Amino acid sequence: LDSTELELAKVAEEYGQRAEQREEQVEIMRRELESAQESLEAERRKNADTNERLETTRMEMRGLKIQLTAKESEHEQLQRKTREKNNLYQAELERGKEHLREMCELFEKATADRDKAQKEAAEMKSEVA
């Protein structure tokens, strides 16, 4: 039971770390996108006649948006999988706890039966003697 809890904690920590890394990557990409948008507007105001450079920058922005969307989707998928695994491990942990309770009850019953049998044997011995 302890190893299951340890493994659950280890998996949860690992997925938590991965989720944090994904969040950091998403934030970096978001800042890059904001920076690219600001650069685009400054270029447009300064050089209204440089449409070719402007289109290149727009294409870069589209690529960043696609990358950001993909990272966000990947992050959401990772979070969903983490929740699913945590739910599975929690269910397994609950089953283990229930099994342990049942085993304790059986042990207590066996102990009571043994004690009763020993008492009866002692009584029979004293009656014989």
C-alpha atoms as a PDB file:
ATOM      1  CA  LEU A   1       0.000   0.000   0.000  1.00  0.00           C
ATOM      2  CA  ASP A   2       2.848   2.400   0.855  1.00  0.00           C
ATOM      3  CA  SER A   3       4.545   1.752  -2.486  1.00  0.00           C
ATOM      4  CA  THR A   4       1.289   2.533  -4.303  1.00  0.00           C
ATOM      5  CA  GLU A   5       1.017   5.843  -2.472  1.00  0.00           C
ATOM      6  CA  LEU A   6       4.660   6.578  -3.198  1.00  0.00           C
ATOM      7  CA  GLU A   7       4.229   5.718  -6.852  1.00  0.00           C
ATOM      8  CA  LEU A   8       1.104   7.871  -7.026  1.00  0.00           C
ATOM      9  CA  ALA A   9       2.977  10.786  -5.481  1.00  0.00           C
ATOM     10  CA  LYS A  10       5.916  10.258  -7.832  1.00  0.00           C
ATOM     11  CA  VAL A  11       3.682  10.160 -10.922  1.00  0.00           C
ATOM     12  CA  ALA A  12       1.723  13.189  -9.752  1.00  0.00           C
ATOM     13  CA  GLU A  13       4.956  15.115  -9.142  1.00  0.00           C
ATOM     14  CA  GLU A  14       6.327  14.121 -12.551  1.00  0.00           C
ATOM     15  CA  TYR A  15       3.171  15.195 -14.342  1.00  0.00           C
ATOM     16  CA  GLY A  16       3.079  18.379 -12.279  1.00  0.00           C
ATOM     17  CA  GLN A  17       6.628  19.207 -13.354  1.00  0.00           C
ATOM     18  CA  ARG A  18       5.762  18.530 -16.984  1.00  0.00           C
ATOM     19  CA  ALA A  19       2.691  20.728 -16.707  1.00  0.00           C
ATOM     20  CA  GLU A  20       4.794  23.552 -15.231  1.00  0.00           C
ATOM     21  CA  GLN A  21       7.295  23.228 -18.071  1.00  0.00           C
ATOM     22  CA  ARG A  22       4.463  23.373 -20.603  1.00  0.00           C
ATOM     23  CA  GLU A  23       3.029  26.461 -18.897  1.00  0.00           C
ATOM     24  CA  GLU A  24       6.416  28.163 -19.049  1.00  0.00           C
ATOM     25  CA  GLN A  25       6.757  27.303 -22.733  1.00  0.00           C
ATOM     26  CA  VAL A  26       3.258  28.638 -23.423  1.00  0.00           C
ATOM     27  CA  GLU A  27       4.096  31.880 -21.573  1.00  0.00           C
ATOM     28  CA  ILE A  28       7.348  32.306 -23.539  1.00  0.00           C
ATOM     29  CA  MET A  29       5.486  31.719 -26.799  1.00  0.00           C
ATOM     30  CA  ARG A  30       2.782  34.206 -25.727  1.00  0.00           C
ATOM     31  CA  ARG A  31       5.434  36.850 -24.995  1.00  0.00           C
ATOM     32  CA  GLU A  32       7.111  36.139 -28.345  1.00  0.00           C
ATOM     33  CA  LEU A  33       3.757  36.552 -30.058  1.00  0.00           C
ATOM     34  CA  GLU A  34       3.054  39.854 -28.276  1.00  0.00           C
ATOM     35  CA  SER A  35       6.535  41.055 -29.175  1.00  0.00           C
ATOM     36  CA  ALA A  36       6.035  40.085 -32.821  1.00  0.00           C
ATOM     37  CA  GLN A  37       2.686  41.915 -32.878  1.00  0.00           C
ATOM     38  CA  GLU A  38       4.269  45.093 -31.476  1.00  0.00           C
ATOM     39  CA  SER A  39       7.087  44.904 -34.014  1.00  0.00           C
ATOM     40  CA  LEU A  40       4.558  44.488 -36.808  1.00  0.00           C
ATOM     41  CA  GLU A  41       2.637  47.612 -35.862  1.00  0.00           C
ATOM     42  CA  ALA A  42       5.807  49.747 -35.545  1.00  0.00           C
ATOM     43  CA  GLU A  43       7.026  48.553 -38.965  1.00  0.00           C
ATOM     44  CA  ARG A  44       3.682  49.344 -40.564  1.00  0.00           C
ATOM     45  CA  ARG A  45       3.611  52.915 -39.192  1.00  0.00           C
ATOM     46  CA  LYS A  46       7.237  53.625 -40.235  1.00  0.00           C
ATOM     47  CA  ASN A  47       7.253  51.899 -43.627  1.00  0.00           C
ATOM     48  CA  ALA A  48       3.812  51.885 -45.166  1.00  0.00           C
ATOM     49  CA  ASP A  49       5.396  51.081 -48.544  1.00  0.00           C
ATOM     50  CA  THR A  50       7.267  47.945 -47.393  1.00  0.00           C
ATOM     51  CA  ASN A  51       4.428  45.465 -47.879  1.00  0.00           C
ATOM     52  CA  GLU A  52       6.777  42.578 -48.615  1.00  0.00           C
ATOM     53  CA  ARG A  53       8.483  42.862 -45.197  1.00  0.00           C
ATOM     54  CA  LEU A  54       5.115  43.332 -43.578  1.00  0.00           C
ATOM     55  CA  GLU A  55       3.754  40.133 -45.151  1.00  0.00           C
ATOM     56  CA  THR A  56       6.816  38.199 -43.980  1.00  0.00           C
ATOM     57  CA  THR A  57       6.227  39.362 -40.426  1.00  0.00           C
ATOM     58  CA  ARG A  58       2.554  38.388 -40.659  1.00  0.00           C
ATOM     59  CA  MET A  59       3.538  34.912 -41.785  1.00  0.00           C
ATOM     60  CA  GLU A  60       5.907  34.615 -38.814  1.00  0.00           C
ATOM     61  CA  MET A  61       3.051  35.637 -36.545  1.00  0.00           C
ATOM     62  CA  ARG A  62       0.800  32.993 -38.047  1.00  0.00           C
ATOM     63  CA  GLY A  63       3.495  30.394 -37.426  1.00  0.00           C
ATOM     64  CA  LEU A  64       3.840  31.541 -33.807  1.00  0.00           C
ATOM     65  CA  LYS A  65       0.069  31.395 -33.348  1.00  0.00           C
ATOM     66  CA  ILE A  66       0.020  27.870 -34.770  1.00  0.00           C
ATOM     67  CA  GLN A  67       2.871  26.865 -32.457  1.00  0.00           C
ATOM     68  CA  LEU A  68       1.122  28.487 -29.482  1.00  0.00           C
ATOM     69  CA  THR A  69      -2.137  26.722 -30.278  1.00  0.00           C
ATOM     70  CA  ALA A  70      -0.311  23.408 -30.580  1.00  0.00           C
ATOM     71  CA  LYS A  71       1.488  23.983 -27.240  1.00  0.00           C
ATOM     72  CA  GLU A  72      -1.784  24.948 -25.531  1.00  0.00           C
ATOM     73  CA  SER A  73      -3.477  21.849 -26.934  1.00  0.00           C
ATOM     74  CA  GLU A  74      -0.571  19.676 -25.822  1.00  0.00           C
ATOM     75  CA  HIS A  75      -0.721  21.256 -22.363  1.00  0.00           C
ATOM     76  CA  GLU A  76      -4.482  20.615 -22.084  1.00  0.00           C
ATOM     77  CA  GLN A  77      -3.969  17.011 -23.204  1.00  0.00           C
ATOM     78  CA  LEU A  78      -1.243  16.532 -20.604  1.00  0.00           C
ATOM     79  CA  GLN A  79      -3.490  17.948 -17.889  1.00  0.00           C
ATOM     80  CA  ARG A  80      -6.352  15.648 -18.945  1.00  0.00           C
ATOM     81  CA  LYS A  81      -4.074  12.585 -18.961  1.00  0.00           C
ATOM     82  CA  THR A  82      -2.698  13.578 -15.557  1.00  0.00           C
ATOM     83  CA  ARG A  83      -6.212  13.824 -14.133  1.00  0.00           C
ATOM     84  CA  GLU A  84      -7.146  10.456 -15.670  1.00  0.00           C
ATOM     85  CA  LYS A  85      -4.039   8.747 -14.261  1.00  0.00           C
ATOM     86  CA  ASN A  86      -4.557  10.349 -10.863  1.00  0.00           C
ATOM     87  CA  ASN A  87      -8.156   9.102 -10.858  1.00  0.00           C
ATOM     88  CA  LEU A  88      -7.009   5.594 -11.768  1.00  0.00           C
ATOM     89  CA  TYR A  89      -4.336   5.586  -9.067  1.00  0.00           C
ATOM     90  CA  GLN A  90      -6.811   6.961  -6.529  1.00  0.00           C
ATOM     91  CA  ALA A  91      -9.291   4.191  -7.378  1.00  0.00           C
ATOM     92  CA  GLU A  92      -6.508   1.599  -7.068  1.00  0.00           C
ATOM     93  CA  LEU A  93      -5.501   3.085  -3.735  1.00  0.00           C
ATOM     94  CA  GLU A  94      -9.104   2.879  -2.487  1.00  0.00           C
ATOM     95  CA  ARG A  95      -9.333  -0.755  -3.605  1.00  0.00           C
ATOM     96  CA  GLY A  96      -6.085  -1.468  -1.747  1.00  0.00           C
ATOM     97  CA  LYS A  97      -7.410   0.196   1.403  1.00  0.00           C
ATOM     98  CA  GLU A  98     -10.637  -1.824   1.203  1.00  0.00           C
ATOM     99  CA  HIS A  99      -8.651  -5.038   0.726  1.00  0.00           C
ATOM    100  CA  LEU A 100      -6.513  -4.149   3.734  1.00  0.00           C
ATOM    101  CA  ARG A 101      -9.637  -3.510   5.842  1.00  0.00           C
ATOM    102  CA  GLU A 102     -11.039  -6.895   4.808  1.00  0.00           C
ATOM    103  CA  MET A 103      -7.761  -8.614   5.681  1.00  0.00           C
ATOM    104  CA  CYS A 104      -7.730  -6.907   9.093  1.00  0.00           C
ATOM    105  CA  GLU A 105     -11.288  -8.076   9.744  1.00  0.00           C
ATOM    106  CA  LEU A 106     -10.353 -11.639   8.777  1.00  0.00           C
ATOM    107  CA  PHE A 107      -7.284 -11.481  11.019  1.00  0.00           C
ATOM    108  CA  GLU A 108      -9.353 -10.214  13.946  1.00  0.00           C
ATOM    109  CA  LYS A 109     -11.928 -12.990  13.402  1.00  0.00           C
ATOM    110  CA  ALA A 110      -9.192 -15.643  13.162  1.00  0.00           C
ATOM    111  CA  THR A 111      -7.597 -14.303  16.346  1.00  0.00           C
ATOM    112  CA  ALA A 112     -10.950 -14.389  18.147  1.00  0.00           C
ATOM    113  CA  ASP A 113     -11.605 -17.942  16.912  1.00  0.00           C
ATOM    114  CA  ARG A 114      -8.135 -19.051  18.073  1.00  0.00           C
ATOM    115  CA  ASP A 115      -8.617 -17.448  21.488  1.00  0.00           C
ATOM    116  CA  LYS A 116     -12.024 -19.121  21.844  1.00  0.00           C
ATOM    117  CA  ALA A 117     -10.566 -22.506  20.852  1.00  0.00           C
ATOM    118  CA  GLN A 118      -7.680 -22.104  23.332  1.00  0.00           C
ATOM    119  CA  LYS A 119     -10.126 -21.153  26.089  1.00  0.00           C
ATOM    120  CA  GLU A 120     -12.328 -24.165  25.319  1.00  0.00           C
ATOM    121  CA  ALA A 121      -9.280 -26.433  25.261  1.00  0.00           C
ATOM    122  CA  ALA A 122      -8.165 -25.060  28.627  1.00  0.00           C
ATOM    123  CA  GLU A 123     -11.647 -25.619  30.064  1.00  0.00           C
ATOM    124  CA  MET A 124     -11.734 -29.202  28.749  1.00  0.00           C
ATOM    125  CA  LYS A 125      -8.283 -29.801  30.249  1.00  0.00           C
ATOM    126  CA  SER A 126      -9.367 -28.506  33.625  1.00  0.00           C
ATOM    127  CA  GLU A 127     -12.513 -30.620  33.510  1.00  0.00           C
ATOM    128  CA  VAL A 128     -10.457 -33.747  32.708  1.00  0.00           C
ATOM    129  CA  ALA A 129      -8.012 -32.966  35.460  1.00  0.00           C
END
